Amino acid sequence: VDYLNTEIPNKTIQSVDSPNGYKNVCENGTLIDYNKFLKLKKIDYIMRRGKFIVIKLNIGYILFHLRMTGQLVMELIKESELKYVSFQLLFTDGSKLYSFSLFCSENQNSRKLISLIDPSKPVGVYALS
């Protein structure tokens, strides 16, 4: 996570995508919902909190659970690795952040990988407070 703190703060999110087509990676919404919420949000910082990677936005947070083999990377070594990317952020400067996991499958419906926390919609107790 430390290397990403030199790469992604102050980047602006243009859109999100699921290159391998898995639709069930989002905890509290669809990719359409995520696109609406994240469009033009600016990243403040990234940190690790237990089993989660937390991206602090100018409004809200993105939580990633990486499972056993998960990684957040700015570049893929081979184009063929896109089949392991369930979620990616595309930034306005053309760069991308990939959520990469060797053992992620669409059959893991009960195991969502990404969650959004929108501070305008209180949910009681925030998991990271």
N, C-alpha and C. Protein backbone atom coordinates (compact mmCIF):
# COMPACT_ATOMS: atom_id res chain seq x y z
N VAL A 1 0.82 -1.19 0.00
CA VAL A 1 0.00 0.00 0.00
C VAL A 1 0.87 1.26 0.00
N ASP A 2 2.03 1.18 0.62
CA ASP A 2 2.88 2.37 0.71
C ASP A 2 3.24 2.93 -0.66
N TYR A 3 3.55 2.05 -1.62
CA TYR A 3 3.94 2.56 -2.94
C TYR A 3 2.78 3.26 -3.62
N LEU A 4 1.55 2.85 -3.32
CA LEU A 4 0.40 3.51 -3.94
C LEU A 4 0.20 4.92 -3.39
N ASN A 5 0.68 5.18 -2.18
CA ASN A 5 0.55 6.53 -1.63
C ASN A 5 1.39 7.54 -2.38
N THR A 6 2.36 7.07 -3.13
CA THR A 6 3.13 7.99 -3.98
C THR A 6 2.52 8.09 -5.38
N GLU A 7 1.59 7.18 -5.70
CA GLU A 7 1.03 7.10 -7.05
C GLU A 7 -0.37 7.70 -7.20
N ILE A 8 -1.25 7.45 -6.23
CA ILE A 8 -2.66 7.79 -6.50
C ILE A 8 -3.25 8.98 -5.75
N PRO A 9 -2.65 9.50 -4.68
CA PRO A 9 -3.27 10.69 -4.09
C PRO A 9 -3.37 11.83 -5.11
N ASN A 10 -4.44 12.57 -5.01
CA ASN A 10 -4.77 13.70 -5.89
C ASN A 10 -5.22 13.29 -7.29
N LYS A 11 -5.33 11.98 -7.56
CA LYS A 11 -5.89 11.55 -8.85
C LYS A 11 -7.41 11.66 -8.77
N THR A 12 -8.02 11.92 -9.92
CA THR A 12 -9.47 12.04 -10.01
C THR A 12 -10.01 10.84 -10.78
N ILE A 13 -11.03 10.21 -10.21
CA ILE A 13 -11.63 9.02 -10.82
C ILE A 13 -12.54 9.43 -11.97
N GLN A 14 -12.31 8.82 -13.12
CA GLN A 14 -13.15 9.05 -14.29
C GLN A 14 -14.28 8.04 -14.33
N SER A 15 -13.95 6.74 -14.10
CA SER A 15 -14.96 5.69 -14.14
C SER A 15 -14.42 4.43 -13.49
N VAL A 16 -15.30 3.44 -13.34
CA VAL A 16 -14.92 2.12 -12.83
C VAL A 16 -15.38 1.08 -13.84
N ASP A 17 -14.74 -0.09 -13.78
CA ASP A 17 -15.06 -1.16 -14.73
C ASP A 17 -14.76 -2.50 -14.08
N SER A 18 -15.31 -3.56 -14.65
CA SER A 18 -14.99 -4.93 -14.26
C SER A 18 -14.51 -5.67 -15.50
N PRO A 19 -13.20 -5.63 -15.78
CA PRO A 19 -12.69 -6.22 -17.02
C PRO A 19 -13.02 -7.69 -17.22
N ASN A 20 -13.10 -8.48 -16.14
CA ASN A 20 -13.42 -9.89 -16.32
C ASN A 20 -14.92 -10.15 -16.30
N GLY A 21 -15.72 -9.10 -16.16
CA GLY A 21 -17.17 -9.23 -16.25
C GLY A 21 -17.87 -9.71 -15.00
N TYR A 22 -17.16 -9.92 -13.90
CA TYR A 22 -17.80 -10.35 -12.67
C TYR A 22 -18.64 -9.20 -12.12
N LYS A 23 -19.92 -9.42 -11.98
CA LYS A 23 -20.83 -8.36 -11.57
C LYS A 23 -21.06 -8.33 -10.07
N ASN A 24 -20.64 -9.35 -9.37
CA ASN A 24 -20.96 -9.47 -7.94
C ASN A 24 -19.82 -9.10 -7.02
N VAL A 25 -18.95 -8.20 -7.44
CA VAL A 25 -17.83 -7.81 -6.58
C VAL A 25 -18.16 -6.61 -5.71
N CYS A 26 -19.24 -5.90 -6.00
CA CYS A 26 -19.60 -4.68 -5.28
C CYS A 26 -20.56 -4.99 -4.14
N GLU A 27 -20.20 -4.58 -2.95
CA GLU A 27 -20.98 -4.89 -1.75
C GLU A 27 -22.34 -4.19 -1.73
N ASN A 28 -22.35 -2.92 -1.98
CA ASN A 28 -23.57 -2.15 -1.76
C ASN A 28 -23.98 -1.36 -3.00
N GLY A 29 -24.11 -2.07 -4.10
CA GLY A 29 -24.52 -1.43 -5.34
C GLY A 29 -23.99 -2.18 -6.55
N THR A 30 -24.30 -1.65 -7.70
CA THR A 30 -23.84 -2.22 -8.97
C THR A 30 -22.69 -1.37 -9.50
N LEU A 31 -22.08 -1.82 -10.57
CA LEU A 31 -21.04 -1.00 -11.21
C LEU A 31 -21.61 0.34 -11.67
N ILE A 32 -22.87 0.35 -12.09
CA ILE A 32 -23.51 1.61 -12.49
C ILE A 32 -23.58 2.56 -11.29
N ASP A 33 -24.00 2.02 -10.14
CA ASP A 33 -24.06 2.83 -8.92
C ASP A 33 -22.68 3.36 -8.54
N TYR A 34 -21.68 2.49 -8.65
CA TYR A 34 -20.31 2.89 -8.31
C TYR A 34 -19.81 3.98 -9.25
N ASN A 35 -20.13 3.83 -10.54
CA ASN A 35 -19.74 4.87 -11.50
C ASN A 35 -20.37 6.21 -11.15
N LYS A 36 -21.65 6.20 -10.81
CA LYS A 36 -22.33 7.44 -10.45
C LYS A 36 -21.70 8.09 -9.22
N PHE A 37 -21.44 7.27 -8.20
CA PHE A 37 -20.89 7.82 -6.95
C PHE A 37 -19.44 8.27 -7.11
N LEU A 38 -18.64 7.49 -7.83
CA LEU A 38 -17.19 7.75 -7.88
C LEU A 38 -16.76 8.74 -8.96
N LYS A 39 -17.59 8.99 -9.94
CA LYS A 39 -17.20 9.88 -11.04
C LYS A 39 -16.76 11.24 -10.50
N LEU A 40 -15.54 11.62 -10.88
CA LEU A 40 -14.90 12.90 -10.54
C LEU A 40 -14.59 13.07 -9.05
N LYS A 41 -14.61 11.96 -8.30
CA LYS A 41 -14.15 12.02 -6.91
C LYS A 41 -12.63 12.02 -6.92
N LYS A 42 -12.05 12.74 -5.99
CA LYS A 42 -10.60 12.86 -5.89
C LYS A 42 -10.09 11.99 -4.74
N ILE A 43 -8.98 11.32 -4.96
CA ILE A 43 -8.39 10.47 -3.92
C ILE A 43 -7.50 11.31 -3.02
N ASP A 44 -7.77 11.21 -1.70
CA ASP A 44 -6.94 11.91 -0.72
C ASP A 44 -5.73 11.07 -0.31
N TYR A 45 -5.99 9.82 0.10
CA TYR A 45 -4.90 8.94 0.51
C TYR A 45 -5.38 7.49 0.51
N ILE A 46 -4.43 6.58 0.68
CA ILE A 46 -4.73 5.15 0.76
C ILE A 46 -4.01 4.59 1.98
N MET A 47 -4.67 3.64 2.68
CA MET A 47 -4.05 3.03 3.85
C MET A 47 -4.57 1.61 4.02
N ARG A 48 -3.89 0.88 4.86
CA ARG A 48 -4.32 -0.47 5.19
C ARG A 48 -4.92 -0.43 6.59
N ARG A 49 -6.02 -1.12 6.75
CA ARG A 49 -6.65 -1.23 8.07
C ARG A 49 -7.09 -2.68 8.23
N GLY A 50 -6.30 -3.47 8.96
CA GLY A 50 -6.60 -4.89 9.11
C GLY A 50 -6.54 -5.59 7.77
N LYS A 51 -7.61 -6.27 7.41
CA LYS A 51 -7.67 -6.99 6.14
C LYS A 51 -8.16 -6.12 4.99
N PHE A 52 -8.36 -4.84 5.24
CA PHE A 52 -8.90 -3.94 4.23
C PHE A 52 -7.86 -2.94 3.74
N ILE A 53 -8.01 -2.57 2.48
CA ILE A 53 -7.31 -1.43 1.92
C ILE A 53 -8.35 -0.33 1.81
N VAL A 54 -8.06 0.82 2.37
CA VAL A 54 -9.01 1.93 2.42
C VAL A 54 -8.50 3.05 1.54
N ILE A 55 -9.33 3.49 0.61
CA ILE A 55 -9.02 4.66 -0.20
C ILE A 55 -9.94 5.77 0.28
N LYS A 56 -9.35 6.81 0.83
CA LYS A 56 -10.10 7.98 1.31
C LYS A 56 -10.29 8.92 0.14
N LEU A 57 -11.54 9.24 -0.13
CA LEU A 57 -11.88 10.17 -1.21
C LEU A 57 -12.19 11.54 -0.62
N ASN A 58 -12.30 12.54 -1.48
CA ASN A 58 -12.70 13.85 -0.97
C ASN A 58 -14.09 13.78 -0.33
N ILE A 59 -14.93 12.83 -0.77
CA ILE A 59 -16.22 12.56 -0.13
C ILE A 59 -16.39 11.04 -0.08
N GLY A 60 -16.24 10.45 1.08
CA GLY A 60 -16.46 9.01 1.24
C GLY A 60 -15.19 8.19 1.16
N TYR A 61 -15.38 6.88 1.12
CA TYR A 61 -14.28 5.91 1.12
C TYR A 61 -14.61 4.76 0.17
N ILE A 62 -13.56 4.09 -0.32
CA ILE A 62 -13.70 2.80 -1.00
C ILE A 62 -12.94 1.80 -0.16
N LEU A 63 -13.57 0.68 0.16
CA LEU A 63 -12.94 -0.38 0.93
C LEU A 63 -12.70 -1.58 0.02
N PHE A 64 -11.48 -2.09 0.02
CA PHE A 64 -11.14 -3.28 -0.75
C PHE A 64 -10.76 -4.38 0.22
N HIS A 65 -11.33 -5.56 0.03
CA HIS A 65 -10.88 -6.75 0.76
C HIS A 65 -10.15 -7.61 -0.27
N LEU A 66 -8.88 -7.86 -0.04
CA LEU A 66 -8.04 -8.49 -1.06
C LEU A 66 -8.02 -10.02 -1.01
N ARG A 67 -8.66 -10.61 -0.01
CA ARG A 67 -8.65 -12.07 0.12
C ARG A 67 -7.21 -12.59 0.26
N MET A 68 -6.99 -13.82 -0.14
CA MET A 68 -5.66 -14.44 0.04
C MET A 68 -4.65 -13.98 -1.01
N THR A 69 -5.07 -13.78 -2.24
CA THR A 69 -4.12 -13.50 -3.32
C THR A 69 -4.29 -12.12 -3.92
N GLY A 70 -5.12 -11.28 -3.33
CA GLY A 70 -5.45 -10.00 -3.93
C GLY A 70 -4.33 -8.97 -3.84
N GLN A 71 -4.33 -8.09 -4.82
CA GLN A 71 -3.37 -6.99 -4.89
C GLN A 71 -4.05 -5.79 -5.54
N LEU A 72 -3.58 -4.61 -5.20
CA LEU A 72 -3.93 -3.41 -5.95
C LEU A 72 -2.68 -2.99 -6.69
N VAL A 73 -2.77 -2.92 -8.01
CA VAL A 73 -1.61 -2.60 -8.83
C VAL A 73 -1.95 -1.54 -9.86
N MET A 74 -0.95 -0.77 -10.25
CA MET A 74 -1.14 0.27 -11.25
C MET A 74 -0.93 -0.25 -12.67
N GLU A 75 -0.21 -1.34 -12.81
CA GLU A 75 0.07 -1.91 -14.14
C GLU A 75 -0.03 -3.42 -14.09
N LEU A 76 -0.50 -4.01 -15.17
CA LEU A 76 -0.49 -5.45 -15.31
C LEU A 76 0.73 -5.86 -16.11
N ILE A 77 1.31 -7.00 -15.77
CA ILE A 77 2.50 -7.46 -16.49
C ILE A 77 2.11 -7.90 -17.90
N LYS A 78 0.99 -8.63 -18.01
CA LYS A 78 0.53 -9.13 -19.31
C LYS A 78 -0.94 -8.76 -19.50
N GLU A 79 -1.33 -8.53 -20.71
CA GLU A 79 -2.73 -8.25 -21.03
C GLU A 79 -3.63 -9.42 -20.63
N SER A 80 -3.10 -10.63 -20.67
CA SER A 80 -3.88 -11.82 -20.31
C SER A 80 -4.28 -11.83 -18.83
N GLU A 81 -3.66 -10.99 -18.01
CA GLU A 81 -4.00 -10.93 -16.59
C GLU A 81 -5.33 -10.22 -16.33
N LEU A 82 -5.91 -9.59 -17.35
CA LEU A 82 -7.20 -8.93 -17.17
C LEU A 82 -8.29 -9.89 -16.70
N LYS A 83 -8.12 -11.18 -16.99
CA LYS A 83 -9.13 -12.15 -16.55
C LYS A 83 -9.16 -12.28 -15.02
N TYR A 84 -8.14 -11.78 -14.34
CA TYR A 84 -8.08 -11.80 -12.88
C TYR A 84 -8.47 -10.45 -12.25
N VAL A 85 -8.85 -9.49 -13.07
CA VAL A 85 -9.19 -8.15 -12.57
C VAL A 85 -10.71 -8.01 -12.51
N SER A 86 -11.23 -7.97 -11.28
CA SER A 86 -12.68 -7.85 -11.09
C SER A 86 -13.14 -6.41 -10.99
N PHE A 87 -12.21 -5.50 -10.71
CA PHE A 87 -12.59 -4.10 -10.50
C PHE A 87 -11.39 -3.23 -10.85
N GLN A 88 -11.64 -2.17 -11.60
CA GLN A 88 -10.56 -1.23 -11.88
C GLN A 88 -11.09 0.20 -11.83
N LEU A 89 -10.23 1.08 -11.34
CA LEU A 89 -10.52 2.51 -11.36
C LEU A 89 -9.77 3.11 -12.53
N LEU A 90 -10.45 3.90 -13.35
CA LEU A 90 -9.81 4.63 -14.44
C LEU A 90 -9.77 6.10 -14.03
N PHE A 91 -8.59 6.70 -14.14
CA PHE A 91 -8.40 8.08 -13.70
C PHE A 91 -8.41 9.03 -14.90
N THR A 92 -8.66 10.30 -14.61
CA THR A 92 -8.77 11.29 -15.68
C THR A 92 -7.45 11.49 -16.42
N ASP A 93 -6.31 11.13 -15.79
CA ASP A 93 -5.02 11.26 -16.47
C ASP A 93 -4.67 10.05 -17.33
N GLY A 94 -5.60 9.07 -17.43
CA GLY A 94 -5.39 7.89 -18.26
C GLY A 94 -4.81 6.70 -17.52
N SER A 95 -4.35 6.87 -16.29
CA SER A 95 -3.81 5.74 -15.53
C SER A 95 -4.95 4.92 -14.93
N LYS A 96 -4.62 3.73 -14.43
CA LYS A 96 -5.63 2.81 -13.90
C LYS A 96 -5.11 2.17 -12.61
N LEU A 97 -6.04 1.79 -11.76
CA LEU A 97 -5.73 0.99 -10.57
C LEU A 97 -6.55 -0.28 -10.67
N TYR A 98 -5.86 -1.42 -10.64
CA TYR A 98 -6.50 -2.72 -10.81
C TYR A 98 -6.61 -3.44 -9.48
N SER A 99 -7.78 -4.05 -9.22
CA SER A 99 -7.95 -4.99 -8.11
C SER A 99 -7.78 -6.37 -8.71
N PHE A 100 -6.66 -7.00 -8.39
CA PHE A 100 -6.17 -8.20 -9.05
C PHE A 100 -6.21 -9.36 -8.06
N SER A 101 -6.85 -10.49 -8.41
CA SER A 101 -6.88 -11.65 -7.53
C SER A 101 -6.91 -12.92 -8.36
N LEU A 102 -5.97 -13.81 -8.10
CA LEU A 102 -5.87 -15.06 -8.86
C LEU A 102 -7.05 -15.99 -8.63
N PHE A 103 -7.63 -15.96 -7.44
CA PHE A 103 -8.66 -16.93 -7.11
C PHE A 103 -10.04 -16.32 -6.95
N CYS A 104 -10.27 -15.17 -7.52
CA CYS A 104 -11.59 -14.57 -7.46
C CYS A 104 -12.46 -15.20 -8.55
N SER A 105 -13.67 -15.58 -8.18
CA SER A 105 -14.58 -16.12 -9.18
C SER A 105 -15.97 -15.56 -8.95
N GLU A 106 -16.75 -15.55 -10.00
CA GLU A 106 -18.10 -15.01 -9.90
C GLU A 106 -18.97 -15.88 -9.01
N ASN A 107 -18.56 -17.12 -8.76
CA ASN A 107 -19.34 -18.01 -7.90
C ASN A 107 -19.26 -17.62 -6.43
N GLN A 108 -18.38 -16.70 -6.09
CA GLN A 108 -18.24 -16.27 -4.70
C GLN A 108 -19.22 -15.13 -4.42
N ASN A 109 -20.50 -15.36 -4.69
CA ASN A 109 -21.51 -14.31 -4.56
C ASN A 109 -21.57 -13.72 -3.16
N SER A 110 -21.34 -14.53 -2.15
CA SER A 110 -21.46 -14.03 -0.78
C SER A 110 -20.21 -13.29 -0.34
N ARG A 111 -19.18 -13.29 -1.15
CA ARG A 111 -17.92 -12.66 -0.76
C ARG A 111 -17.65 -11.45 -1.64
N LYS A 112 -18.19 -10.34 -1.25
CA LYS A 112 -18.00 -9.11 -2.01
C LYS A 112 -16.61 -8.55 -1.74
N LEU A 113 -16.01 -7.95 -2.74
CA LEU A 113 -14.64 -7.46 -2.63
C LEU A 113 -14.54 -5.97 -2.36
N ILE A 114 -15.52 -5.19 -2.78
CA ILE A 114 -15.42 -3.74 -2.70
C ILE A 114 -16.68 -3.17 -2.06
N SER A 115 -16.50 -2.19 -1.19
CA SER A 115 -17.63 -1.49 -0.56
C SER A 115 -17.39 0.00 -0.64
N LEU A 116 -18.48 0.75 -0.68
CA LEU A 116 -18.42 2.21 -0.61
C LEU A 116 -18.99 2.66 0.71
N ILE A 117 -18.40 3.68 1.29
CA ILE A 117 -18.99 4.34 2.45
C ILE A 117 -19.24 5.78 2.04
N ASP A 118 -20.51 6.13 1.99
CA ASP A 118 -20.94 7.48 1.63
C ASP A 118 -21.35 8.19 2.91
N PRO A 119 -20.57 9.20 3.36
CA PRO A 119 -20.88 9.85 4.62
C PRO A 119 -22.22 10.58 4.63
N SER A 120 -22.82 10.82 3.46
CA SER A 120 -24.12 11.49 3.43
C SER A 120 -25.26 10.52 3.75
N LYS A 121 -24.94 9.22 3.81
CA LYS A 121 -25.95 8.20 4.12
C LYS A 121 -25.49 7.43 5.36
N PRO A 122 -25.76 7.94 6.55
CA PRO A 122 -25.31 7.28 7.77
C PRO A 122 -25.81 5.86 7.88
N VAL A 123 -24.95 4.97 8.32
CA VAL A 123 -25.32 3.56 8.48
C VAL A 123 -25.20 3.13 9.94
N GLY A 124 -25.17 4.06 10.85
CA GLY A 124 -25.03 3.69 12.25
C GLY A 124 -23.58 3.82 12.66
N VAL A 125 -22.90 2.71 12.83
CA VAL A 125 -21.50 2.72 13.25
C VAL A 125 -20.64 2.45 12.03
N TYR A 126 -19.71 3.36 11.74
CA TYR A 126 -18.80 3.15 10.61
C TYR A 126 -17.76 2.12 11.00
N ALA A 127 -17.49 1.21 10.09
CA ALA A 127 -16.55 0.12 10.36
C ALA A 127 -15.15 0.62 10.66
N LEU A 128 -14.78 1.78 10.18
CA LEU A 128 -13.41 2.24 10.32
C LEU A 128 -13.26 3.44 11.27
N SER A 129 -14.29 3.72 12.04
CA SER A 129 -14.20 4.88 12.94
C SER A 129 -13.42 4.56 14.19
